[in-house]
Amino acid sequence: QIPMLESDEQQALLSLGRYQGAYQVPTQVVSIAQQISQQAQQTPKASALFDGDTTLSYAQLDTYSNQLAHYLVAQGVSQGDVIGIYRPRSVDLIVSILAIWKAGAAILPLDMKYPTQRVQYMVQDAQAKWVLCDQPSAHFSDDVQLVMTPPHWQDAKQTPLDAMPILSNLAYLIYTSGSTGQPKGVAVSHEAIARHSLLMAHDYGLRAEDSVWQMASFSFDTALEQSLSTLIRGGCLVLHCETLPGAHAWLSQMRAQQITVTDLPVAYFAQLLTELASSDWQAMPLRLIVVGGEALPRSVVTQWFEKGPHAECRLINAYGPTEAVITACRQVITPADKACVRIGEALPERQLLVLDSHQQLVPQGGIGELYIGGVLAEGYWHQAALSAEKFIASPFDATVRLYRTGDRVRWTADGELVFEGRFDEQVKRRGFRIELGEIDYQLSMYDGVQGALSVLTAEGYLHSYVLSDSAEAVDTDALRRILVNTLPDHMIPDGIVVLGAWPMTANGKIDKKALPAPQLQSSTCFEAPTTQT
């Protein structure tokens, strides 16, 4: 309990974790819906959205969202309600988000690729009474009212509603993987997302001349950062279709749409670097690429500088959990990161603390847990105990809330953060957070399974092991079908192995290194090539 550091050392570390720039978010902010309406008044004819088929100007975006908001209010939607959005990525999805906010409600993004049981759980847990969708779906129970849009609302009033979002009210619920077997909802207020969008628009230097390529699923909070920070600055948001394009198709789209800013998952960015030539990167209008979602390998940084991108294009490594309202810190990648990839320094209105198990400050070079203060989520939806455990008062300032990330980090000598892994069983796969315990919970529900353990290998394979007295009593194909019906695709194991006993270490723990590798099998039949190519 005795601090190991002198008071001046403590103050130096506290200062190290604060934003070092001069930018300040205004003390009084207005909601995202109001900011975009103001932008529509300034540049009504400018292109706001393009999804490959439809273009909406800022005036149309504002008008259509007003109409849908009036329609929702007429259906009984009121302040504080939660409304699900079950729609493909399109201009209509953005209209839906703004309309729900203008009606005073909060959004619950629902990924159309998620299994029925998972979608039903999220809707039920969020207590969503309405779901906006394009057509009827068996995903929803009879007590959920489906709102089909368009065209039912297009005759509604075009004028703004009298009541705009209350800043302290809930803006959105994003569900993340949960260690107890069910996903948990992270609740974020209108003020938090409004402040965050303003600071990200400043940090990325977004402007009206930008065309920003949006590709993340809206069940992933990065999509909100990509979209909202663009629209409040008057840029054009280009919404890509649901399927990721190949490298050369991506390159073609970047050129055709004159994309200047994009945000990519690390794995996809690595694939692009592998498949595209140096000359391809030189011939694009890109000025900023943001990567995030998982650790950025040094090998990818090396490839980036070997490709020789034009000097005007910056690469930023962004870091931040959903609970800290998307991005909390970032690093502009330089050649020095080929030796050690950093997640960088704090963004405005954030504080980063590296603490030990007794919540004492860890000196530079020492590894501790990252705590984030400043703009944070309200907590976990209807989970007060978990919220109290993860969101705590700062031991150095009781007026500041901190979020315990569970991430192992250290300060470098030049005052920037390096990610060193996790303290718990949470892993990242394809940019998504996965609590391995949620997979184990679903496996353990199967008859004959006495225990389950899932691991993510260094190569990125997800393997699951189940314990049973009889291997014949457990059908691994049936287990896989159970998981496919309850978990999203990124949580489905590449292989499942049935064991009669766990391999144990000398001190009685499961020896994960001794677990046998499963025989990975393709889910599709072999199809012979038809031409020499």
Protein backbone atom coordinates (compact mmCIF):
# COMPACT_ATOMS: atom_id res chain seq x y z
CA GLN A 1 0.00 0.00 0.00
CA ILE A 2 3.01 2.30 0.22
CA PRO A 3 3.63 4.14 -3.08
CA MET A 4 6.94 3.12 -4.62
CA LEU A 5 7.21 6.44 -6.49
CA GLU A 6 7.96 9.92 -5.23
CA SER A 7 5.19 12.49 -5.63
CA ASP A 8 6.96 14.24 -8.52
CA GLU A 9 7.33 10.88 -10.31
CA GLN A 10 3.62 10.20 -9.81
CA GLN A 11 2.70 13.60 -11.21
CA ALA A 12 4.97 13.01 -14.21
CA LEU A 13 3.21 9.69 -14.97
CA LEU A 14 -0.24 11.24 -14.53
CA SER A 15 0.76 14.02 -16.93
CA LEU A 16 2.16 11.46 -19.38
CA GLY A 17 -1.29 9.89 -19.69
CA ARG A 18 -3.05 13.14 -20.62
CA TYR A 19 -3.54 14.71 -24.03
CA GLN A 20 -0.52 16.86 -24.83
CA GLY A 21 -2.04 19.06 -27.57
CA ALA A 22 -3.89 22.36 -27.49
CA TYR A 23 -7.28 21.31 -28.93
CA GLN A 24 -10.29 21.45 -26.59
CA VAL A 25 -13.80 20.16 -27.23
CA PRO A 26 -16.28 22.97 -26.46
CA THR A 27 -17.67 22.83 -22.94
CA GLN A 28 -21.21 22.95 -24.31
CA VAL A 29 -21.92 20.60 -27.21
CA VAL A 30 -25.08 19.71 -29.09
CA SER A 31 -26.15 16.25 -30.15
CA ILE A 32 -24.96 14.53 -33.31
CA ALA A 33 -28.43 14.91 -34.87
CA GLN A 34 -28.31 18.67 -34.30
CA GLN A 35 -24.75 18.95 -35.61
CA ILE A 36 -25.69 17.19 -38.85
CA SER A 37 -28.82 19.37 -39.20
CA GLN A 38 -26.59 22.45 -38.84
CA GLN A 39 -24.29 21.05 -41.53
CA ALA A 40 -27.32 20.54 -43.80
CA GLN A 41 -28.18 24.22 -43.43
CA GLN A 42 -24.61 25.22 -44.35
CA THR A 43 -24.11 22.85 -47.32
CA PRO A 44 -27.57 21.56 -48.33
CA LYS A 45 -26.58 20.40 -51.82
CA ALA A 46 -23.29 18.69 -50.88
CA SER A 47 -23.20 14.89 -51.10
CA ALA A 48 -23.53 13.32 -47.65
CA LEU A 49 -23.99 9.61 -48.43
CA PHE A 50 -23.33 7.19 -51.28
CA ASP A 51 -23.89 3.42 -51.08
CA GLY A 52 -23.15 2.39 -54.67
CA ASP A 53 -26.75 2.84 -55.77
CA THR A 54 -28.07 5.95 -54.06
CA THR A 55 -26.64 9.39 -53.28
CA LEU A 56 -28.18 11.64 -50.64
CA SER A 57 -27.37 15.30 -50.17
CA TYR A 58 -27.17 16.80 -46.70
CA ALA A 59 -30.57 18.44 -47.23
CA GLN A 60 -32.12 15.09 -48.18
CA LEU A 61 -30.47 13.30 -45.25
CA ASP A 62 -31.87 15.90 -42.85
CA THR A 63 -35.34 15.90 -44.42
CA TYR A 64 -35.72 12.12 -44.67
CA SER A 65 -34.56 11.60 -41.07
CA ASN A 66 -37.07 14.25 -39.93
CA GLN A 67 -39.85 12.42 -41.74
CA LEU A 68 -38.96 9.05 -40.30
CA ALA A 69 -38.64 10.58 -36.82
CA HIS A 70 -42.18 12.00 -37.10
CA TYR A 71 -43.42 8.59 -38.23
CA LEU A 72 -41.72 6.85 -35.27
CA VAL A 73 -43.22 9.30 -32.79
CA ALA A 74 -46.64 8.66 -34.34
CA GLN A 75 -46.07 4.93 -33.70
CA GLY A 76 -45.56 5.66 -29.98
CA VAL A 77 -41.77 6.00 -29.76
CA SER A 78 -40.75 8.33 -26.94
CA GLN A 79 -37.71 9.59 -25.04
CA GLY A 80 -35.53 6.81 -23.65
CA ASP A 81 -36.90 3.96 -25.77
CA VAL A 82 -34.49 1.53 -27.44
CA ILE A 83 -35.07 0.74 -31.13
CA GLY A 84 -33.29 -2.02 -33.02
CA ILE A 85 -31.97 -1.46 -36.54
CA TYR A 86 -31.92 -4.60 -38.70
CA ARG A 87 -30.90 -3.27 -42.09
CA PRO A 88 -28.02 -3.71 -44.55
CA ARG A 89 -25.35 -1.02 -44.79
CA SER A 90 -26.95 1.65 -46.96
CA VAL A 91 -28.06 5.28 -46.96
CA ASP A 92 -31.32 4.10 -45.35
CA LEU A 93 -29.40 2.78 -42.34
CA ILE A 94 -27.84 6.20 -41.68
CA VAL A 95 -31.25 7.86 -42.10
CA SER A 96 -32.62 5.37 -39.55
CA ILE A 97 -29.94 6.19 -36.97
CA LEU A 98 -30.55 9.95 -37.19
CA ALA A 99 -34.34 9.51 -37.16
CA ILE A 100 -34.27 7.39 -34.02
CA TRP A 101 -32.11 9.98 -32.28
CA LYS A 102 -34.36 12.83 -33.42
CA ALA A 103 -37.32 10.90 -31.98
CA GLY A 104 -35.52 10.86 -28.63
CA ALA A 105 -34.77 7.12 -28.62
CA ALA A 106 -31.56 5.06 -28.60
CA ILE A 107 -30.30 2.73 -31.33
CA LEU A 108 -29.53 -0.97 -31.02
CA PRO A 109 -27.53 -2.02 -34.13
CA LEU A 110 -28.29 -5.64 -35.10
CA ASP A 111 -25.93 -7.46 -37.46
CA MET A 112 -27.96 -9.28 -40.12
CA LYS A 113 -25.33 -12.04 -40.20
CA TYR A 114 -25.81 -12.91 -36.51
CA PRO A 115 -27.71 -16.11 -35.63
CA THR A 116 -31.39 -15.78 -34.73
CA GLN A 117 -30.90 -16.70 -31.06
CA ARG A 118 -28.23 -14.04 -30.58
CA VAL A 119 -30.35 -11.32 -32.22
CA GLN A 120 -33.37 -12.34 -30.14
CA TYR A 121 -31.32 -12.21 -26.94
CA MET A 122 -30.01 -8.72 -27.74
CA VAL A 123 -33.49 -7.38 -28.53
CA GLN A 124 -34.96 -8.92 -25.38
CA ASP A 125 -32.09 -7.83 -23.12
CA ALA A 126 -32.19 -4.27 -24.49
CA GLN A 127 -35.99 -4.21 -24.01
CA ALA A 128 -36.39 -2.92 -27.56
CA LYS A 129 -40.07 -2.50 -28.43
CA TRP A 130 -39.47 -1.62 -32.09
CA VAL A 131 -37.11 -2.84 -34.81
CA LEU A 132 -36.56 -0.98 -38.07
CA CYS A 133 -36.16 -3.41 -40.95
CA ASP A 134 -36.80 -3.77 -44.67
CA GLN A 135 -38.90 -6.93 -44.55
CA PRO A 136 -40.48 -9.31 -41.97
CA SER A 137 -38.06 -11.63 -40.20
CA ALA A 138 -38.37 -14.68 -37.96
CA HIS A 139 -35.64 -13.18 -35.78
CA PHE A 140 -38.20 -11.23 -33.75
CA SER A 141 -41.00 -12.28 -31.41
CA ASP A 142 -44.59 -11.10 -31.70
CA ASP A 143 -44.20 -8.52 -28.91
CA VAL A 144 -41.64 -6.59 -31.00
CA GLN A 145 -43.17 -4.13 -33.46
CA LEU A 146 -41.46 -4.19 -36.85
CA VAL A 147 -41.24 -0.85 -38.64
CA MET A 148 -40.84 -1.38 -42.39
CA THR A 149 -39.05 1.48 -44.11
CA PRO A 150 -39.45 2.90 -46.67
CA PRO A 151 -42.10 3.82 -47.97
CA HIS A 152 -44.62 4.12 -45.08
CA TRP A 153 -43.10 7.25 -43.57
CA GLN A 154 -42.39 9.30 -46.70
CA ASP A 155 -45.58 11.38 -46.42
CA ALA A 156 -44.72 12.48 -42.88
CA LYS A 157 -43.76 16.05 -41.92
CA GLN A 158 -40.40 17.30 -43.14
CA THR A 159 -39.92 19.87 -40.39
CA PRO A 160 -37.64 19.21 -37.38
CA LEU A 161 -39.22 17.78 -34.26
CA ASP A 162 -39.69 20.07 -31.29
CA ALA A 163 -37.73 17.78 -28.99
CA MET A 164 -34.12 16.97 -29.82
CA PRO A 165 -32.01 14.33 -28.04
CA ILE A 166 -31.25 15.03 -24.37
CA LEU A 167 -27.46 14.84 -24.00
CA SER A 168 -27.58 12.73 -20.85
CA ASN A 169 -29.92 10.16 -22.45
CA LEU A 170 -28.80 6.87 -23.97
CA ALA A 171 -27.64 7.17 -27.60
CA TYR A 172 -26.75 3.57 -28.39
CA LEU A 173 -26.23 0.05 -27.07
CA ILE A 174 -23.37 -1.98 -28.55
CA TYR A 175 -23.22 -5.64 -27.50
CA THR A 176 -19.82 -7.26 -26.95
CA SER A 177 -18.87 -10.83 -26.07
CA GLY A 178 -19.48 -11.74 -22.42
CA SER A 179 -17.42 -14.05 -20.19
CA THR A 180 -20.56 -15.35 -18.42
CA GLY A 181 -22.02 -16.94 -21.55
CA GLN A 182 -24.14 -14.08 -22.93
CA PRO A 183 -23.17 -10.85 -24.72
CA LYS A 184 -23.31 -7.67 -22.66
CA GLY A 185 -24.62 -4.27 -23.74
CA VAL A 186 -22.39 -1.21 -23.44
CA ALA A 187 -24.49 1.93 -22.91
CA VAL A 188 -23.22 5.25 -24.35
CA SER A 189 -24.87 8.66 -23.93
CA HIS A 190 -25.54 11.32 -26.56
CA GLU A 191 -23.04 13.67 -24.93
CA ALA A 192 -20.27 11.06 -24.96
CA ILE A 193 -20.63 10.22 -28.67
CA ALA A 194 -21.08 13.90 -29.60
CA ARG A 195 -17.87 14.91 -27.80
CA HIS A 196 -15.97 11.94 -29.19
CA SER A 197 -17.05 12.63 -32.78
CA LEU A 198 -15.91 16.24 -32.52
CA LEU A 199 -12.46 15.34 -31.24
CA MET A 200 -11.98 12.55 -33.81
CA ALA A 201 -13.01 14.89 -36.64
CA HIS A 202 -10.32 17.29 -35.39
CA ASP A 203 -7.65 14.65 -34.82
CA TYR A 204 -8.08 13.09 -38.27
CA GLY A 205 -8.35 16.52 -39.89
CA LEU A 206 -11.66 15.69 -41.56
CA ARG A 207 -13.07 18.32 -43.90
CA ALA A 208 -15.84 18.85 -46.44
CA GLU A 209 -13.56 17.81 -49.31
CA ASP A 210 -13.04 14.31 -47.86
CA SER A 211 -14.62 11.13 -49.15
CA VAL A 212 -14.52 8.53 -46.37
CA TRP A 213 -14.89 4.81 -47.10
CA GLN A 214 -17.06 3.12 -44.44
CA MET A 215 -16.85 -0.66 -44.23
CA ALA A 216 -17.31 -1.74 -40.59
CA SER A 217 -20.50 -3.47 -39.44
CA PHE A 218 -22.72 -1.13 -37.42
CA SER A 219 -22.79 -3.70 -34.62
CA PHE A 220 -19.12 -2.69 -34.23
CA ASP A 221 -18.77 0.80 -32.71
CA THR A 222 -15.98 1.79 -35.10
CA ALA A 223 -18.71 2.22 -37.75
CA LEU A 224 -20.21 5.08 -35.73
CA GLU A 225 -16.85 6.82 -35.45
CA GLN A 226 -16.25 6.45 -39.20
CA SER A 227 -19.70 7.81 -40.06
CA LEU A 228 -20.49 10.53 -37.54
CA SER A 229 -17.13 12.31 -37.53
CA THR A 230 -17.38 12.53 -41.34
CA LEU A 231 -20.94 13.88 -41.45
CA ILE A 232 -20.48 16.58 -38.80
CA ARG A 233 -17.64 18.00 -40.96
CA GLY A 234 -19.57 17.95 -44.23
CA GLY A 235 -17.64 15.13 -45.93
CA CYS A 236 -19.09 12.40 -48.14
CA LEU A 237 -19.55 9.00 -46.49
CA VAL A 238 -19.16 6.13 -48.97
CA LEU A 239 -20.88 3.04 -47.56
CA HIS A 240 -19.37 -0.14 -48.92
CA CYS A 241 -21.46 -3.28 -49.51
CA GLU A 242 -21.54 -6.06 -46.92
CA THR A 243 -18.81 -8.25 -48.49
CA LEU A 244 -15.16 -7.21 -48.30
CA PRO A 245 -13.70 -6.78 -51.79
CA GLY A 246 -10.46 -8.34 -52.94
CA ALA A 247 -7.36 -6.17 -53.02
CA HIS A 248 -7.65 -5.05 -56.65
CA ALA A 249 -11.41 -4.48 -56.39
CA TRP A 250 -10.73 -2.36 -53.29
CA LEU A 251 -8.10 -0.40 -55.21
CA SER A 252 -10.54 0.19 -58.06
CA GLN A 253 -13.18 1.50 -55.67
CA MET A 254 -10.71 3.80 -53.93
CA ARG A 255 -9.87 5.40 -57.26
CA ALA A 256 -13.43 5.49 -58.62
CA GLN A 257 -14.81 7.20 -55.51
CA GLN A 258 -11.68 9.34 -54.95
CA ILE A 259 -11.49 8.10 -51.34
CA THR A 260 -9.23 10.24 -49.14
CA VAL A 261 -9.77 8.58 -45.73
CA THR A 262 -10.44 4.97 -44.76
CA ASP A 263 -10.50 2.86 -41.60
CA LEU A 264 -9.48 -0.79 -42.03
CA PRO A 265 -9.18 -3.90 -39.84
CA VAL A 266 -5.56 -4.88 -39.31
CA ALA A 267 -5.91 -8.29 -40.99
CA TYR A 268 -7.53 -6.80 -44.09
CA PHE A 269 -4.90 -4.06 -44.29
CA ALA A 270 -2.17 -6.72 -44.11
CA GLN A 271 -3.85 -8.60 -46.98
CA LEU A 272 -3.94 -5.44 -49.11
CA LEU A 273 -0.24 -4.81 -48.51
CA THR A 274 0.61 -8.37 -49.53
CA GLU A 275 -1.42 -8.35 -52.75
CA LEU A 276 -0.88 -4.80 -54.02
CA ALA A 277 2.31 -3.46 -55.59
CA SER A 278 4.14 -0.31 -54.53
CA SER A 279 2.90 1.54 -57.60
CA ASP A 280 -0.72 0.81 -56.63
CA TRP A 281 -0.36 2.68 -53.35
CA GLN A 282 1.29 5.63 -55.07
CA ALA A 283 -1.58 6.18 -57.49
CA MET A 284 -4.38 6.79 -54.97
CA PRO A 285 -5.83 9.99 -53.47
CA LEU A 286 -5.65 8.52 -49.93
CA ARG A 287 -4.27 10.90 -47.33
CA LEU A 288 -5.14 8.91 -44.19
CA ILE A 289 -5.48 5.21 -43.35
CA VAL A 290 -6.61 4.26 -39.84
CA VAL A 291 -6.14 0.68 -38.68
CA GLY A 292 -7.34 -0.90 -35.45
CA GLY A 293 -9.42 -3.59 -33.82
CA GLU A 294 -6.40 -5.74 -32.92
CA ALA A 295 -2.65 -5.51 -32.46
CA LEU A 296 -0.72 -4.18 -35.45
CA PRO A 297 2.22 -6.55 -36.18
CA ARG A 298 5.68 -5.16 -36.83
CA SER A 299 5.82 -7.16 -40.07
CA VAL A 300 2.85 -5.18 -41.42
CA VAL A 301 4.53 -1.87 -40.50
CA THR A 302 7.66 -3.03 -42.32
CA GLN A 303 5.59 -3.88 -45.41
CA TRP A 304 3.94 -0.47 -45.29
CA PHE A 305 7.23 1.37 -45.50
CA GLU A 306 8.67 -1.05 -48.05
CA LYS A 307 5.72 -0.35 -50.38
CA GLY A 308 6.79 3.28 -50.41
CA PRO A 309 3.41 5.08 -49.96
CA HIS A 310 3.33 8.72 -50.97
CA ALA A 311 4.50 11.06 -48.24
CA GLU A 312 1.10 12.76 -47.84
CA CYS A 313 -0.60 9.52 -46.72
CA ARG A 314 -0.48 8.94 -42.96
CA LEU A 315 -1.00 5.59 -41.25
CA ILE A 316 -2.56 5.73 -37.78
CA ASN A 317 -2.78 2.82 -35.34
CA ALA A 318 -5.93 3.41 -33.24
CA TYR A 319 -6.76 1.76 -29.92
CA GLY A 320 -9.83 1.84 -27.72
CA PRO A 321 -12.47 -0.47 -26.20
CA THR A 322 -16.20 0.02 -26.67
CA GLU A 323 -16.48 1.02 -22.99
CA ALA A 324 -14.15 4.00 -23.58
CA VAL A 325 -16.32 5.26 -26.48
CA ILE A 326 -14.37 3.80 -29.41
CA THR A 327 -10.88 5.32 -29.76
CA ALA A 328 -8.98 6.44 -26.65
CA CYS A 329 -5.44 6.80 -28.00
CA ARG A 330 -3.63 6.57 -31.31
CA GLN A 331 -0.18 6.55 -32.87
CA VAL A 332 0.94 8.00 -36.18
CA ILE A 333 3.09 5.16 -37.51
CA THR A 334 6.72 6.04 -38.29
CA PRO A 335 9.70 3.90 -39.35
CA ALA A 336 10.58 3.60 -35.64
CA ASP A 337 7.51 1.36 -35.22
CA LYS A 338 9.21 -1.36 -37.26
CA ALA A 339 11.06 -2.17 -34.03
CA CYS A 340 8.15 -1.69 -31.60
CA VAL A 341 4.56 -0.91 -32.62
CA ARG A 342 2.97 1.62 -30.26
CA ILE A 343 -0.67 2.42 -29.60
CA GLY A 344 0.45 5.95 -28.87
CA GLU A 345 -0.75 8.79 -26.74
CA ALA A 346 -4.05 9.95 -25.26
CA LEU A 347 -6.67 11.75 -27.33
CA PRO A 348 -8.37 14.91 -26.02
CA GLU A 349 -10.60 14.37 -22.97
CA ARG A 350 -8.94 11.02 -22.20
CA GLN A 351 -6.56 10.01 -19.44
CA LEU A 352 -4.43 6.85 -19.58
CA LEU A 353 -3.12 5.24 -16.40
CA VAL A 354 -0.90 2.16 -16.16
CA LEU A 355 -1.54 0.60 -12.74
CA ASP A 356 -0.48 -2.55 -10.92
CA SER A 357 -2.76 -5.03 -9.12
CA HIS A 358 -2.98 -2.64 -6.13
CA GLN A 359 -3.88 0.28 -8.41
CA GLN A 360 -0.52 1.96 -7.88
CA LEU A 361 1.17 3.73 -10.79
CA VAL A 362 3.67 1.60 -12.72
CA PRO A 363 6.84 3.45 -13.80
CA GLN A 364 7.92 3.73 -17.43
CA GLY A 365 9.08 0.38 -18.77
CA GLY A 366 7.03 -1.64 -16.27
CA ILE A 367 4.00 -3.64 -17.45
CA GLY A 368 0.64 -2.93 -15.83
CA GLU A 369 -3.07 -2.77 -16.62
CA LEU A 370 -4.38 0.11 -18.70
CA TYR A 371 -7.10 2.23 -17.07
CA ILE A 372 -8.87 4.86 -19.19
CA GLY A 373 -10.55 7.98 -17.82
CA GLY A 374 -12.50 10.84 -19.38
CA VAL A 375 -15.20 10.23 -22.01
CA LEU A 376 -16.59 6.80 -21.09
CA ALA A 377 -19.70 4.67 -21.52
CA GLU A 378 -22.35 4.88 -18.82
CA GLY A 379 -21.70 1.23 -17.96
CA TYR A 380 -23.17 -2.15 -18.85
CA TRP A 381 -26.89 -2.28 -19.59
CA HIS A 382 -28.76 -3.52 -16.51
CA GLN A 383 -25.59 -5.04 -15.01
CA ALA A 384 -24.84 -2.86 -12.01
CA ALA A 385 -22.41 -5.29 -10.34
CA LEU A 386 -20.29 -5.71 -13.48
CA SER A 387 -20.37 -1.95 -14.09
CA ALA A 388 -19.14 -1.28 -10.54
CA GLU A 389 -16.32 -3.77 -11.04
CA LYS A 390 -15.10 -2.35 -14.36
CA PHE A 391 -15.90 1.37 -13.93
CA ILE A 392 -14.23 2.73 -10.79
CA ALA A 393 -13.29 6.04 -9.19
CA SER A 394 -9.70 7.09 -9.83
CA PRO A 395 -7.45 6.52 -6.79
CA PHE A 396 -5.80 9.86 -7.65
CA ASP A 397 -8.97 11.94 -8.19
CA ALA A 398 -12.30 10.70 -6.87
CA THR A 399 -14.19 12.91 -9.37
CA VAL A 400 -12.71 10.98 -12.33
CA ARG A 401 -14.18 7.67 -13.53
CA LEU A 402 -11.81 5.03 -14.89
CA TYR A 403 -12.49 1.97 -17.00
CA ARG A 404 -10.39 -1.14 -16.35
CA THR A 405 -9.48 -2.45 -19.79
CA GLY A 406 -7.78 -5.73 -18.79
CA ASP A 407 -5.05 -4.93 -21.34
CA ARG A 408 -1.37 -5.28 -20.43
CA VAL A 409 0.61 -2.20 -21.51
CA ARG A 410 3.79 -0.28 -20.73
CA TRP A 411 5.06 3.24 -21.23
CA THR A 412 8.06 3.59 -23.53
CA ALA A 413 10.95 5.88 -22.61
CA ASP A 414 9.54 8.54 -24.96
CA GLY A 415 6.14 8.43 -23.29
CA GLU A 416 4.00 6.31 -25.61
CA LEU A 417 2.04 3.14 -24.91
CA VAL A 418 2.87 -0.36 -26.15
CA PHE A 419 0.25 -3.13 -26.03
CA GLU A 420 1.57 -6.34 -24.41
CA GLY A 421 -1.49 -8.63 -24.37
CA ARG A 422 -4.32 -9.43 -21.95
CA PHE A 423 -4.59 -10.23 -18.25
CA ASP A 424 -7.67 -12.41 -18.79
CA GLU A 425 -9.08 -14.86 -21.35
CA GLN A 426 -10.36 -12.21 -23.72
CA VAL A 427 -8.86 -12.43 -27.22
CA LYS A 428 -9.16 -10.55 -30.51
CA ARG A 429 -10.08 -12.32 -33.73
CA ARG A 430 -10.74 -10.55 -37.03
CA GLY A 431 -10.87 -7.33 -35.02
CA PHE A 432 -13.69 -8.55 -32.73
CA ARG A 433 -13.44 -9.01 -28.98
CA ILE A 434 -14.11 -12.59 -27.92
CA GLU A 435 -14.61 -13.83 -24.38
CA LEU A 436 -13.58 -17.48 -24.69
CA GLY A 437 -15.82 -18.27 -21.73
CA GLU A 438 -18.88 -17.48 -23.86
CA ILE A 439 -17.90 -20.23 -26.33
CA ASP A 440 -17.16 -22.65 -23.48
CA TYR A 441 -20.56 -21.90 -21.91
CA GLN A 442 -22.41 -22.77 -25.12
CA LEU A 443 -20.39 -26.00 -25.56
CA SER A 444 -21.06 -27.06 -21.98
CA MET A 445 -24.84 -26.97 -22.60
CA TYR A 446 -24.56 -30.08 -24.82
CA ASP A 447 -25.50 -33.43 -23.25
CA GLY A 448 -22.45 -35.51 -22.41
CA VAL A 449 -20.04 -32.56 -22.21
CA GLN A 450 -18.50 -32.26 -18.74
CA GLY A 451 -16.25 -29.30 -19.46
CA ALA A 452 -15.06 -27.09 -22.29
CA LEU A 453 -11.99 -24.99 -23.07
CA SER A 454 -11.32 -22.75 -26.06
CA VAL A 455 -7.97 -21.29 -27.09
CA LEU A 456 -6.73 -18.94 -29.80
CA THR A 457 -3.41 -20.03 -31.27
CA ALA A 458 -0.54 -17.73 -32.21
CA GLU A 459 -1.43 -18.41 -35.86
CA GLY A 460 -4.95 -17.11 -35.33
CA TYR A 461 -6.83 -20.44 -35.20
CA LEU A 462 -9.66 -20.84 -32.70
CA HIS A 463 -9.73 -24.34 -31.21
CA SER A 464 -12.25 -25.78 -28.73
CA TYR A 465 -11.82 -28.84 -26.52
CA VAL A 466 -14.63 -30.65 -24.71
CA LEU A 467 -14.35 -33.19 -21.91
CA SER A 468 -16.49 -36.33 -22.01
CA ASP A 469 -16.45 -39.86 -20.55
CA SER A 470 -17.18 -41.20 -24.02
CA ALA A 471 -15.98 -39.71 -27.28
CA GLU A 472 -18.81 -41.54 -29.07
CA ALA A 473 -21.38 -39.69 -26.95
CA VAL A 474 -20.35 -36.32 -28.32
CA ASP A 475 -21.03 -35.46 -31.95
CA THR A 476 -18.67 -32.64 -32.92
CA ASP A 477 -20.79 -31.82 -35.99
CA ALA A 478 -23.80 -31.37 -33.70
CA LEU A 479 -21.69 -29.18 -31.41
CA ARG A 480 -20.74 -27.01 -34.35
CA ARG A 481 -24.41 -26.67 -35.38
CA ILE A 482 -25.26 -25.52 -31.84
CA LEU A 483 -22.57 -22.86 -31.99
CA VAL A 484 -23.59 -21.71 -35.49
CA ASN A 485 -27.13 -21.17 -34.17
CA THR A 486 -26.04 -19.16 -31.13
CA LEU A 487 -22.74 -17.40 -31.90
CA PRO A 488 -21.59 -15.03 -34.66
CA ASP A 489 -19.23 -16.32 -37.32
CA HIS A 490 -16.07 -14.90 -35.76
CA MET A 491 -16.69 -17.00 -32.61
CA ILE A 492 -17.08 -20.37 -34.38
CA PRO A 493 -14.07 -22.67 -33.67
CA ASP A 494 -11.95 -23.86 -36.57
CA GLY A 495 -11.81 -27.28 -34.93
CA ILE A 496 -13.38 -29.17 -31.98
CA VAL A 497 -11.64 -32.02 -30.13
CA VAL A 498 -13.24 -34.44 -27.63
CA LEU A 499 -10.95 -35.48 -24.75
CA GLY A 500 -11.38 -38.11 -22.06
CA ALA A 501 -9.20 -36.15 -19.62
CA TRP A 502 -7.43 -32.81 -19.52
CA PRO A 503 -3.63 -32.83 -19.84
CA MET A 504 -2.38 -31.45 -16.52
CA THR A 505 0.71 -29.60 -15.35
CA ALA A 506 2.64 -30.64 -12.23
CA ASN A 507 0.71 -28.13 -10.10
CA GLY A 508 -2.69 -29.41 -11.22
CA LYS A 509 -3.62 -26.88 -13.89
CA ILE A 510 -4.73 -27.67 -17.44
CA ASP A 511 -1.63 -27.84 -19.63
CA LYS A 512 -2.76 -25.82 -22.66
CA LYS A 513 0.53 -26.46 -24.45
CA ALA A 514 -0.19 -30.22 -24.39
CA LEU A 515 -3.65 -29.93 -25.97
CA PRO A 516 -3.69 -31.78 -29.33
CA ALA A 517 -4.22 -29.74 -32.47
CA PRO A 518 -7.55 -30.57 -34.15
CA GLN A 519 -7.73 -31.80 -37.72
CA LEU A 520 -9.07 -28.78 -39.56
CA GLN A 521 -11.59 -29.60 -42.24
CA SER A 522 -13.05 -27.42 -44.96
CA SER A 523 -16.76 -26.69 -44.67
CA THR A 524 -17.15 -26.97 -48.46
CA CYS A 525 -16.48 -29.74 -50.94
CA PHE A 526 -13.47 -29.55 -53.25
CA GLU A 527 -14.26 -27.88 -56.56
CA ALA A 528 -11.74 -28.46 -59.34
CA PRO A 529 -10.47 -25.47 -61.36
CA THR A 530 -12.11 -25.05 -64.76
CA THR A 531 -9.28 -23.24 -66.60
CA GLN A 532 -5.51 -23.09 -66.43
CA THR A 533 -5.73 -19.77 -64.54
